[in-house]
Amino acid sequence: MDLQQRVAQHFNHSIATKQSAATVLAPAVVKASEVMTGALLLGRKVLCCGTAGSGGLAQYFASTLLNRYERERPGLPAIALNADTQALTAIANDYTYKEVFSKQLRVLAQEGDVLLAISASGNSRNASEAIKASHDRGVRVVALTGRDGGDMAELLNGDDVEIRVPAQSVARIQEVHLLILHSLCDLIDIQIFGEEES
């Protein structure tokens, strides 16, 4: 296979994964947007976490809520728990790495907030601990996972929302996670600020 064919194959696999996920995931994406919108309308915030590529997605989503998505609007309160390297390294050094998000949540989270926890495999130990801490604080959870949902799926309760990408490849799962985050931004904007006039 030449290199151009390989690139085309990546595009085709990504498209196929997104097409197969679209119908399956749409109801959960809508529900997650309603959970986040409800919290934001009550003056609460969205706390986001993830590691590695999922951490980048968590930071991106928080910054998009704080700043803007595709329209001018007031900022919305969101925090990426993986963005503060001082806190992360202090907690990892003094305690354990699996507590880097949960310790922050136990201080920053208020009842009625929402946690967005992202893990392609669903087996991120620090995201799992974050889910436990969220439940202790009265915080609902939106979990973006893939594969079989992993350990995170087993921790969720009836008030939480799991958006599980039906794929095995981490790259494909993260590509769909990005599309889900864009969809959430759009749905939140519409529900809070109304549809834009054309």
Protein backbone atom coordinates (compact mmCIF):
# COMPACT_ATOMS: atom_id res chain seq x y z
CA MET A 1 0.00 0.00 0.00
CA ASP A 2 1.38 3.43 -0.87
CA LEU A 3 1.26 6.26 1.66
CA GLN A 4 -1.60 8.13 -0.01
CA GLN A 5 -3.73 5.00 0.08
CA ARG A 6 -2.93 4.62 3.75
CA VAL A 7 -4.08 8.18 4.45
CA ALA A 8 -7.29 7.51 2.52
CA GLN A 9 -7.81 4.36 4.58
CA HIS A 10 -7.61 6.40 7.80
CA PHE A 11 -10.24 8.80 6.46
CA ASN A 12 -12.48 5.95 5.37
CA HIS A 13 -12.21 4.15 8.72
CA SER A 14 -12.98 7.39 10.55
CA ILE A 15 -16.02 8.07 8.38
CA ALA A 16 -17.32 4.51 8.83
CA THR A 17 -16.91 4.70 12.61
CA LYS A 18 -18.76 8.02 12.79
CA GLN A 19 -21.56 6.78 10.56
CA SER A 20 -22.09 3.65 12.64
CA ALA A 21 -22.05 5.71 15.86
CA ALA A 22 -24.36 8.53 14.74
CA THR A 23 -27.74 6.88 15.27
CA VAL A 24 -26.65 4.80 18.25
CA LEU A 25 -25.18 7.72 20.21
CA ALA A 26 -27.56 10.57 19.35
CA PRO A 27 -30.03 9.93 22.24
CA ALA A 28 -27.22 9.82 24.82
CA VAL A 29 -25.62 12.98 23.41
CA VAL A 30 -28.95 14.81 23.69
CA LYS A 31 -29.44 13.57 27.25
CA ALA A 32 -25.91 14.64 28.21
CA SER A 33 -26.51 18.10 26.74
CA GLU A 34 -29.70 18.39 28.78
CA VAL A 35 -27.87 17.40 31.97
CA MET A 36 -25.15 19.99 31.35
CA THR A 37 -27.60 22.69 30.27
CA GLY A 38 -29.73 22.13 33.35
CA ALA A 39 -26.71 22.54 35.60
CA LEU A 40 -25.46 25.65 33.80
CA LEU A 41 -28.90 27.29 33.95
CA LEU A 42 -28.85 26.78 37.73
CA GLY A 43 -25.49 28.56 38.01
CA ARG A 44 -23.47 25.36 38.32
CA LYS A 45 -20.36 24.36 36.36
CA VAL A 46 -18.94 21.56 34.25
CA LEU A 47 -15.76 19.93 35.56
CA CYS A 48 -13.82 18.01 32.90
CA CYS A 49 -11.07 15.40 33.17
CA GLY A 50 -9.11 12.94 31.08
CA THR A 51 -5.53 11.81 30.56
CA ALA A 52 -3.31 11.87 27.48
CA GLY A 53 -5.43 12.49 24.35
CA SER A 54 -8.59 12.44 26.43
CA GLY A 55 -7.05 15.14 28.62
CA GLY A 56 -6.57 17.29 25.56
CA LEU A 57 -10.23 16.80 24.69
CA ALA A 58 -11.27 17.70 28.26
CA GLN A 59 -9.26 20.93 28.10
CA TYR A 60 -10.65 21.75 24.68
CA PHE A 61 -14.26 21.29 25.83
CA ALA A 62 -13.75 23.41 28.97
CA SER A 63 -12.13 26.21 26.98
CA THR A 64 -14.90 26.10 24.38
CA LEU A 65 -17.57 26.51 27.08
CA LEU A 66 -15.59 29.29 28.77
CA ASN A 67 -14.90 31.17 25.56
CA ARG A 68 -17.21 30.35 22.65
CA TYR A 69 -18.06 27.62 20.16
CA GLU A 70 -19.28 28.99 16.82
CA ARG A 71 -21.26 32.03 17.93
CA GLU A 72 -20.87 35.06 20.13
CA ARG A 73 -22.32 34.40 23.58
CA PRO A 74 -21.44 34.85 27.24
CA GLY A 75 -18.92 32.38 28.65
CA LEU A 76 -20.12 29.33 30.54
CA PRO A 77 -18.37 28.05 33.71
CA ALA A 78 -16.14 25.05 33.10
CA ILE A 79 -12.87 23.76 34.53
CA ALA A 80 -10.43 21.21 33.09
CA LEU A 81 -9.05 19.38 36.12
CA ASN A 82 -6.10 18.04 34.12
CA ALA A 83 -4.92 21.54 33.10
CA ASP A 84 -3.33 22.54 36.43
CA THR A 85 0.08 20.87 36.35
CA GLN A 86 0.98 22.24 39.80
CA ALA A 87 -2.04 20.54 41.39
CA LEU A 88 -1.59 17.36 39.37
CA THR A 89 2.06 16.90 40.26
CA ALA A 90 1.53 17.83 43.92
CA ILE A 91 -1.28 15.31 44.35
CA ALA A 92 0.57 12.59 42.40
CA ASN A 93 3.69 13.18 44.48
CA ASP A 94 2.07 13.41 47.91
CA TYR A 95 -0.66 10.79 47.37
CA THR A 96 -1.18 8.69 44.23
CA TYR A 97 -1.72 9.46 40.57
CA LYS A 98 -5.17 7.86 40.64
CA GLU A 99 -6.29 10.69 42.98
CA VAL A 100 -5.24 13.63 40.78
CA PHE A 101 -8.85 14.42 39.82
CA SER A 102 -10.79 13.11 42.82
CA LYS A 103 -8.89 15.29 45.32
CA GLN A 104 -9.63 18.37 43.23
CA LEU A 105 -13.29 17.40 42.92
CA ARG A 106 -13.66 16.99 46.67
CA VAL A 107 -12.64 20.66 47.02
CA LEU A 108 -14.03 22.32 43.87
CA ALA A 109 -17.23 20.40 43.11
CA GLN A 110 -20.57 21.57 44.42
CA GLU A 111 -23.83 19.68 44.43
CA GLY A 112 -25.51 20.17 41.07
CA ASP A 113 -22.28 20.44 39.07
CA VAL A 114 -21.55 18.00 36.25
CA LEU A 115 -18.39 15.96 35.70
CA LEU A 116 -17.36 15.17 32.14
CA ALA A 117 -14.98 12.19 32.38
CA ILE A 118 -13.30 11.08 29.16
CA SER A 119 -11.46 7.78 28.60
CA ALA A 120 -11.29 5.89 25.30
CA SER A 121 -10.98 2.55 27.09
CA GLY A 122 -13.11 3.44 30.10
CA ASN A 123 -10.33 2.06 32.31
CA SER A 124 -8.65 5.27 33.45
CA ARG A 125 -8.17 4.80 37.20
CA ASN A 126 -8.09 8.51 37.92
CA ALA A 127 -11.32 9.05 35.96
CA SER A 128 -12.93 6.19 37.90
CA GLU A 129 -11.89 7.80 41.17
CA ALA A 130 -13.28 11.10 39.88
CA ILE A 131 -16.66 9.43 39.28
CA LYS A 132 -16.69 8.10 42.85
CA ALA A 133 -15.82 11.54 44.25
CA SER A 134 -18.50 13.14 42.10
CA HIS A 135 -21.17 10.83 43.47
CA ASP A 136 -20.05 11.67 47.00
CA ARG A 137 -20.49 15.39 46.22
CA GLY A 138 -23.90 15.13 44.49
CA VAL A 139 -22.39 15.70 41.05
CA ARG A 140 -23.86 14.00 37.99
CA VAL A 141 -21.47 12.36 35.55
CA VAL A 142 -21.28 12.34 31.77
CA ALA A 143 -18.77 9.67 30.72
CA LEU A 144 -17.31 9.46 27.23
CA THR A 145 -15.96 5.94 26.76
CA GLY A 146 -15.39 3.33 24.06
CA ARG A 147 -14.95 -0.40 23.60
CA ASP A 148 -16.95 -2.12 26.40
CA GLY A 149 -17.12 0.96 28.65
CA GLY A 150 -14.46 -0.41 30.99
CA ASP A 151 -14.41 0.16 34.75
CA MET A 152 -16.04 3.58 34.41
CA ALA A 153 -19.26 2.14 33.01
CA GLU A 154 -19.70 -0.05 36.08
CA LEU A 155 -19.49 2.97 38.40
CA LEU A 156 -22.24 4.99 36.75
CA ASN A 157 -25.69 5.28 38.30
CA GLY A 158 -29.13 6.04 36.89
CA ASP A 159 -28.59 9.81 37.02
CA ASP A 160 -25.42 9.60 34.93
CA VAL A 161 -25.01 9.43 31.15
CA GLU A 162 -22.55 7.20 29.32
CA ILE A 163 -21.73 7.91 25.69
CA ARG A 164 -19.89 4.78 24.60
CA VAL A 165 -18.35 4.82 21.12
CA PRO A 166 -18.86 1.43 19.42
CA ALA A 167 -15.26 0.98 18.29
CA GLN A 168 -12.00 -0.64 19.40
CA SER A 169 -9.36 1.71 17.99
CA VAL A 170 -8.34 4.49 20.40
CA ALA A 171 -7.77 6.86 17.48
CA ARG A 172 -11.26 6.25 16.06
CA ILE A 173 -12.85 6.55 19.52
CA GLN A 174 -11.13 9.87 20.18
CA GLU A 175 -12.18 11.19 16.77
CA VAL A 176 -15.80 10.43 17.63
CA HIS A 177 -15.32 11.92 21.11
CA LEU A 178 -14.30 15.20 19.47
CA LEU A 179 -17.43 15.16 17.31
CA ILE A 180 -19.54 14.43 20.40
CA LEU A 181 -17.97 17.41 22.19
CA HIS A 182 -18.78 19.66 19.24
CA SER A 183 -22.35 18.36 19.28
CA LEU A 184 -22.61 19.04 23.02
CA CYS A 185 -21.34 22.60 22.54
CA ASP A 186 -23.91 23.22 19.82
CA LEU A 187 -26.81 21.71 21.79
CA ILE A 188 -25.89 23.60 24.97
CA ASP A 189 -25.72 26.90 23.05
CA ILE A 190 -29.12 26.29 21.45
CA GLN A 191 -30.78 25.31 24.72
CA ILE A 192 -29.40 28.28 26.65
CA PHE A 193 -29.27 31.03 24.05
CA GLY A 194 -31.73 29.85 21.38
CA GLU A 195 -31.12 29.18 17.73
CA GLU A 196 -29.26 31.78 15.76
CA GLU A 197 -31.26 33.80 13.26
CA SER A 198 -30.18 33.17 9.68
